[in-house]
Amino acid sequence: MIFWLTLLAYQTTWFAAVIGAGRGLGWPGATCAGLFTLWRLAVSPQRALELRLALAALALGLLLETLWVCGGLLSYRAAWPWLAAPGWILALWWAFGLSTAPLLGHLHRRLPLAAVLGAVGGPLAYLGAARGWHAVQFAQPHWHGLLALAAGWAVAMPLLAWLARRGLQARNAMQGGVVCS
């Protein structure tokens, strides 16, 4: 049940951020990400791990988004408060990090699959945000931005999955559980 609630809460955060940004508002995504964080921390059996994953995702997001924007590959509506990576997109990276352990367990030990899914799913999410709500604009030719997104997400997704696996293994070892490699 927690899996489905987490998925629903993450998707709600995504839609709030993207629809809000498409209307020039950054606060809906940040607000939903904050509420999502409070809820995840209340129900998570691995709060410390999820916070570390959220921080790692936030750092990755800040780096990648800055590269993509400063490289002229894409731009954002509701770009406040930074010129490169707006708060609402960083809130989505944070929420994604919180979702890594509970939602992507099947990828923790399948890093090549995580890379493929990141390379496909990441750009598709940005395309949805661009075409559905105009929250993101791609520079011409669009395929340059999509290729950069695919490369970034092909690294980010397995990295977060690997960090989740390491954290879960360490947690299991500390609790006397079986650690699978």
Protein backbone atom coordinates (compact mmCIF):
# COMPACT_ATOMS: atom_id res chain seq x y z
CA MET A 1 0.00 0.00 0.00
CA ILE A 2 2.86 2.40 0.83
CA PHE A 3 4.31 1.77 -2.64
CA TRP A 4 1.11 3.00 -4.32
CA LEU A 5 0.70 5.95 -1.97
CA THR A 6 4.32 6.96 -2.59
CA LEU A 7 3.81 6.68 -6.35
CA LEU A 8 0.62 8.75 -6.17
CA ALA A 9 2.26 11.39 -3.96
CA TYR A 10 5.30 11.63 -6.23
CA GLN A 11 3.15 11.94 -9.35
CA THR A 12 1.03 14.61 -7.64
CA THR A 13 4.23 16.51 -6.87
CA TRP A 14 5.37 16.17 -10.49
CA PHE A 15 2.08 17.45 -11.88
CA ALA A 16 1.88 20.32 -9.36
CA ALA A 17 5.43 21.40 -10.23
CA VAL A 18 5.04 21.15 -13.99
CA ILE A 19 1.56 22.65 -14.25
CA GLY A 20 2.51 25.42 -11.83
CA ALA A 21 5.70 26.18 -13.74
CA GLY A 22 3.78 26.21 -17.02
CA ARG A 23 1.68 28.98 -15.50
CA GLY A 24 4.74 30.85 -14.30
CA LEU A 25 4.48 29.68 -10.68
CA GLY A 26 7.29 27.91 -8.86
CA TRP A 27 5.63 27.52 -5.47
CA PRO A 28 3.16 24.67 -6.22
CA GLY A 29 5.98 22.21 -6.91
CA ALA A 30 8.04 23.33 -3.94
CA THR A 31 5.00 23.14 -1.66
CA CYS A 32 4.06 19.66 -2.83
CA ALA A 33 7.66 18.48 -2.53
CA GLY A 34 7.72 19.81 1.04
CA LEU A 35 4.49 18.00 1.90
CA PHE A 36 5.76 14.85 0.19
CA THR A 37 8.95 15.07 2.27
CA LEU A 38 7.02 15.40 5.53
CA TRP A 39 4.84 12.43 4.65
CA ARG A 40 7.76 10.22 3.49
CA LEU A 41 9.68 10.98 6.67
CA ALA A 42 6.63 10.10 8.75
CA VAL A 43 6.06 6.70 7.10
CA SER A 44 9.54 5.63 6.00
CA PRO A 45 11.36 2.86 7.86
CA GLN A 46 14.63 4.25 6.43
CA ARG A 47 14.40 8.02 6.92
CA ALA A 48 18.15 8.65 7.00
CA LEU A 49 18.71 6.74 3.76
CA GLU A 50 15.88 8.53 1.98
CA LEU A 51 17.22 11.91 3.09
CA ARG A 52 20.70 11.00 1.81
CA LEU A 53 19.18 9.91 -1.50
CA ALA A 54 17.19 13.15 -1.71
CA LEU A 55 20.36 15.17 -1.09
CA ALA A 56 22.25 13.16 -3.72
CA ALA A 57 19.43 13.66 -6.23
CA LEU A 58 19.32 17.37 -5.44
CA ALA A 59 23.08 17.69 -6.03
CA LEU A 60 22.82 15.71 -9.28
CA GLY A 61 19.86 17.80 -10.37
CA LEU A 62 21.60 21.06 -9.64
CA LEU A 63 24.66 19.96 -11.60
CA LEU A 64 22.80 18.52 -14.60
CA GLU A 65 20.15 21.24 -14.85
CA THR A 66 22.83 23.92 -14.68
CA LEU A 67 24.80 22.20 -17.45
CA TRP A 68 21.71 21.84 -19.64
CA VAL A 69 20.51 25.42 -19.13
CA CYS A 70 23.92 27.08 -19.32
CA GLY A 71 24.69 24.93 -22.35
CA GLY A 72 21.69 26.51 -24.06
CA LEU A 73 19.89 23.18 -24.49
CA LEU A 74 16.74 24.08 -22.58
CA SER A 75 15.11 26.82 -20.56
CA TYR A 76 12.39 26.90 -17.93
CA ARG A 77 9.30 28.89 -17.17
CA ALA A 78 9.09 30.07 -13.56
CA ALA A 79 12.88 30.21 -13.46
CA TRP A 80 12.99 31.77 -10.01
CA PRO A 81 15.10 31.90 -7.90
CA TRP A 82 18.11 30.80 -9.97
CA LEU A 83 19.02 31.60 -13.50
CA ALA A 84 19.90 27.99 -14.30
CA ALA A 85 18.02 25.42 -12.22
CA PRO A 86 14.73 26.81 -10.93
CA GLY A 87 13.44 25.84 -7.51
CA TRP A 88 10.53 23.82 -8.85
CA ILE A 89 12.75 21.50 -10.93
CA LEU A 90 15.12 21.04 -7.99
CA ALA A 91 12.09 20.20 -5.84
CA LEU A 92 11.29 17.45 -8.36
CA TRP A 93 14.83 16.09 -8.13
CA TRP A 94 14.53 16.10 -4.33
CA ALA A 95 11.19 14.26 -4.46
CA PHE A 96 12.62 11.78 -6.96
CA GLY A 97 15.47 11.07 -4.55
CA LEU A 98 12.97 10.40 -1.77
CA SER A 99 11.18 7.98 -4.09
CA THR A 100 14.26 6.02 -5.15
CA ALA A 101 14.31 3.51 -2.29
CA PRO A 102 10.57 2.78 -2.05
CA LEU A 103 9.65 2.91 -5.75
CA LEU A 104 12.68 1.70 -7.65
CA GLY A 105 13.64 -1.38 -5.67
CA HIS A 106 13.59 -3.53 -8.79
CA LEU A 107 16.38 -1.35 -10.22
CA HIS A 108 18.71 -1.43 -7.21
CA ARG A 109 20.41 -4.58 -8.51
CA ARG A 110 19.82 -3.96 -12.22
CA LEU A 111 21.92 -0.91 -12.93
CA PRO A 112 22.07 -1.35 -16.73
CA LEU A 113 18.26 -1.48 -16.77
CA ALA A 114 18.21 1.64 -14.57
CA ALA A 115 20.43 3.40 -17.12
CA VAL A 116 18.15 2.43 -20.01
CA LEU A 117 15.01 3.47 -18.16
CA GLY A 118 16.65 6.75 -17.16
CA ALA A 119 17.77 7.42 -20.73
CA VAL A 120 14.21 6.87 -21.99
CA GLY A 121 12.04 8.03 -19.08
CA GLY A 122 13.94 11.20 -18.24
CA PRO A 123 13.58 12.81 -21.67
CA LEU A 124 9.97 11.65 -21.92
CA ALA A 125 9.14 13.44 -18.66
CA TYR A 126 10.71 16.64 -19.95
CA LEU A 127 8.89 16.29 -23.26
CA GLY A 128 5.62 15.91 -21.37
CA ALA A 129 6.40 19.02 -19.35
CA ALA A 130 7.30 20.90 -22.53
CA ARG A 131 4.45 19.85 -24.76
CA GLY A 132 1.69 19.46 -22.21
CA TRP A 133 2.28 22.49 -19.98
CA HIS A 134 5.05 24.56 -21.61
CA ALA A 135 7.13 24.39 -18.43
CA VAL A 136 10.29 23.58 -20.40
CA GLN A 137 11.45 24.88 -23.77
CA PHE A 138 14.02 23.05 -25.88
CA ALA A 139 16.51 24.91 -28.05
CA GLN A 140 16.68 24.01 -31.73
CA PRO A 141 17.42 21.37 -32.76
CA HIS A 142 15.43 19.60 -30.03
CA TRP A 143 17.34 16.37 -30.35
CA HIS A 144 20.46 17.96 -28.83
CA GLY A 145 18.59 18.66 -25.59
CA LEU A 146 16.91 15.26 -25.63
CA LEU A 147 20.25 13.54 -26.12
CA ALA A 148 21.78 15.49 -23.22
CA LEU A 149 18.79 14.61 -21.03
CA ALA A 150 19.12 10.95 -21.99
CA ALA A 151 22.82 10.95 -21.13
CA GLY A 152 22.27 12.72 -17.81
CA TRP A 153 19.43 10.47 -16.72
CA ALA A 154 21.33 7.38 -17.92
CA VAL A 155 23.92 8.30 -15.29
CA ALA A 156 21.60 9.69 -12.58
CA MET A 157 19.17 6.78 -12.41
CA PRO A 158 21.70 3.96 -11.88
CA LEU A 159 23.76 6.14 -9.55
CA LEU A 160 20.74 6.75 -7.31
CA ALA A 161 19.75 3.06 -7.54
CA TRP A 162 23.29 2.05 -6.56
CA LEU A 163 23.30 4.47 -3.62
CA ALA A 164 19.93 3.09 -2.50
CA ARG A 165 21.22 -0.48 -2.71
CA ARG A 166 24.34 0.41 -0.70
CA GLY A 167 22.25 2.16 1.92
CA LEU A 168 19.80 -0.71 2.20
CA GLN A 169 22.63 -3.25 2.45
CA ALA A 170 24.29 -1.24 5.21
CA ARG A 171 20.97 -0.94 7.03
CA ASN A 172 20.37 -4.70 6.76
CA ALA A 173 23.90 -5.47 7.96
CA MET A 174 23.43 -3.23 10.99
CA GLN A 175 20.15 -4.96 11.81
CA GLY A 176 21.70 -8.40 11.42
CA GLY A 177 19.88 -9.11 8.17
CA VAL A 178 21.22 -10.96 5.20
CA VAL A 179 23.22 -8.80 2.83
CA CYS A 180 23.03 -9.82 -0.82
CA SER A 181 25.61 -8.55 -3.24
